[in-house]
C-alpha atoms as a PDB file:
ATOM      1  CA  MET A   1      52.528-116.682 140.519  1.00  0.00           C
ATOM      2  CA  THR A   2      51.755-114.557 143.555  1.00  0.00           C
ATOM      3  CA  ILE A   3      53.964-114.765 146.605  1.00  0.00           C
ATOM      4  CA  ASP A   4      51.927-115.358 149.774  1.00  0.00           C
ATOM      5  CA  ILE A   5      53.511-112.940 152.243  1.00  0.00           C
ATOM      6  CA  PRO A   6      52.937-113.777 155.938  1.00  0.00           C
ATOM      7  CA  ASP A   7      51.032-111.326 158.131  1.00  0.00           C
ATOM      8  CA  THR A   8      54.019-110.874 160.420  1.00  0.00           C
ATOM      9  CA  LEU A   9      56.124-109.548 157.552  1.00  0.00           C
ATOM     10  CA  ILE A  10      53.295-107.301 156.383  1.00  0.00           C
ATOM     11  CA  ALA A  11      53.072-105.870 159.906  1.00  0.00           C
ATOM     12  CA  LEU A  12      56.820-105.146 159.953  1.00  0.00           C
ATOM     13  CA  GLU A  13      56.673-103.382 156.590  1.00  0.00           C
ATOM     14  CA  THR A  14      53.580-101.441 157.671  1.00  0.00           C
ATOM     15  CA  THR A  15      55.482-100.134 160.691  1.00  0.00           C
ATOM     16  CA  ALA A  16      58.436 -99.191 158.497  1.00  0.00           C
ATOM     17  CA  TRP A  17      56.194 -97.437 155.968  1.00  0.00           C
ATOM     18  CA  GLU A  18      54.498 -95.447 158.745  1.00  0.00           C
ATOM     19  CA  GLU A  19      57.906 -94.423 160.095  1.00  0.00           C
ATOM     20  CA  ILE A  20      59.109 -93.445 156.601  1.00  0.00           C
ATOM     21  CA  ARG A  21      56.045 -91.289 156.024  1.00  0.00           C
ATOM     22  CA  ALA A  22      56.555 -89.614 159.409  1.00  0.00           C
ATOM     23  CA  GLY A  23      60.254 -89.016 158.669  1.00  0.00           C
ATOM     24  CA  ARG A  24      61.409 -91.194 161.557  1.00  0.00           C
ATOM     25  CA  LEU A  25      62.444 -94.585 160.179  1.00  0.00           C
ATOM     26  CA  THR A  26      64.835 -96.237 162.614  1.00  0.00           C
ATOM     27  CA  VAL A  27      67.688 -98.569 161.823  1.00  0.00           C
ATOM     28  CA  LYS A  28      66.066-101.141 164.113  1.00  0.00           C
ATOM     29  CA  THR A  29      62.829-101.133 162.097  1.00  0.00           C
ATOM     30  CA  ALA A  30      64.607-101.192 158.736  1.00  0.00           C
ATOM     31  CA  ALA A  31      66.833-104.061 159.864  1.00  0.00           C
ATOM     32  CA  ALA A  32      63.846-106.051 161.151  1.00  0.00           C
ATOM     33  CA  VAL A  33      62.104-105.747 157.780  1.00  0.00           C
ATOM     34  CA  HIS A  34      65.258-106.686 155.900  1.00  0.00           C
ATOM     35  CA  GLN A  35      65.912-109.706 158.106  1.00  0.00           C
ATOM     36  CA  GLY A  36      62.293-110.794 157.761  1.00  0.00           C
ATOM     37  CA  VAL A  37      62.408-110.521 153.980  1.00  0.00           C
ATOM     38  CA  VAL A  38      65.677-112.460 153.765  1.00  0.00           C
ATOM     39  CA  ALA A  39      64.443-115.203 156.105  1.00  0.00           C
ATOM     40  CA  PHE A  40      61.146-115.574 154.251  1.00  0.00           C
ATOM     41  CA  ALA A  41      62.855-115.596 150.856  1.00  0.00           C
ATOM     42  CA  GLU A  42      65.276-118.310 151.953  1.00  0.00           C
ATOM     43  CA  ALA A  43      62.528-120.418 153.549  1.00  0.00           C
ATOM     44  CA  SER A  44      60.141-120.101 150.609  1.00  0.00           C
ATOM     45  CA  GLY A  45      62.711-120.398 147.835  1.00  0.00           C
ATOM     46  CA  GLU A  46      61.593-117.084 146.352  1.00  0.00           C
ATOM     47  CA  ALA A  47      64.035-114.406 145.225  1.00  0.00           C
ATOM     48  CA  ARG A  48      64.630-111.785 147.910  1.00  0.00           C
ATOM     49  CA  LEU A  49      63.914-108.958 145.490  1.00  0.00           C
ATOM     50  CA  ALA A  50      60.611-110.525 144.425  1.00  0.00           C
ATOM     51  CA  VAL A  51      59.561-110.881 148.058  1.00  0.00           C
ATOM     52  CA  GLU A  52      60.491-107.283 148.811  1.00  0.00           C
ATOM     53  CA  GLU A  53      58.668-105.963 145.746  1.00  0.00           C
ATOM     54  CA  ARG A  54      55.520-107.958 146.551  1.00  0.00           C
ATOM     55  CA  LEU A  55      55.614-106.810 150.173  1.00  0.00           C
ATOM     56  CA  LYS A  56      55.879-103.152 149.184  1.00  0.00           C
ATOM     57  CA  ARG A  57      53.029-103.483 146.678  1.00  0.00           C
ATOM     58  CA  ILE A  58      50.834-104.937 149.416  1.00  0.00           C
ATOM     59  CA  VAL A  59      51.663-102.341 152.080  1.00  0.00           C
ATOM     60  CA  ARG A  60      52.231 -99.201 150.052  1.00  0.00           C
ATOM     61  CA  HIS A  61      49.746 -99.711 147.242  1.00  0.00           C
ATOM     62  CA  GLY A  62      47.056-101.864 148.857  1.00  0.00           C
ATOM     63  CA  GLU A  63      47.553-104.760 146.457  1.00  0.00           C
ATOM     64  CA  THR A  64      45.907-108.021 147.444  1.00  0.00           C
ATOM     65  CA  GLY A  65      45.918-111.693 146.429  1.00  0.00           C
END
């Protein structure tokens, strides 16, 4: 089963990934991603780690559907 990650969470992770690649990730950005992942995992009933892994595959590796 594929976890359907919302666009808002993808946008947060995209910002974080851009900051990481530029060497300027902020605590604020990292915390926003973490909070978004936790909230989505709780609301969807998915494991937090599974949500985070899926999100990173989408943003960092261009994985789809």
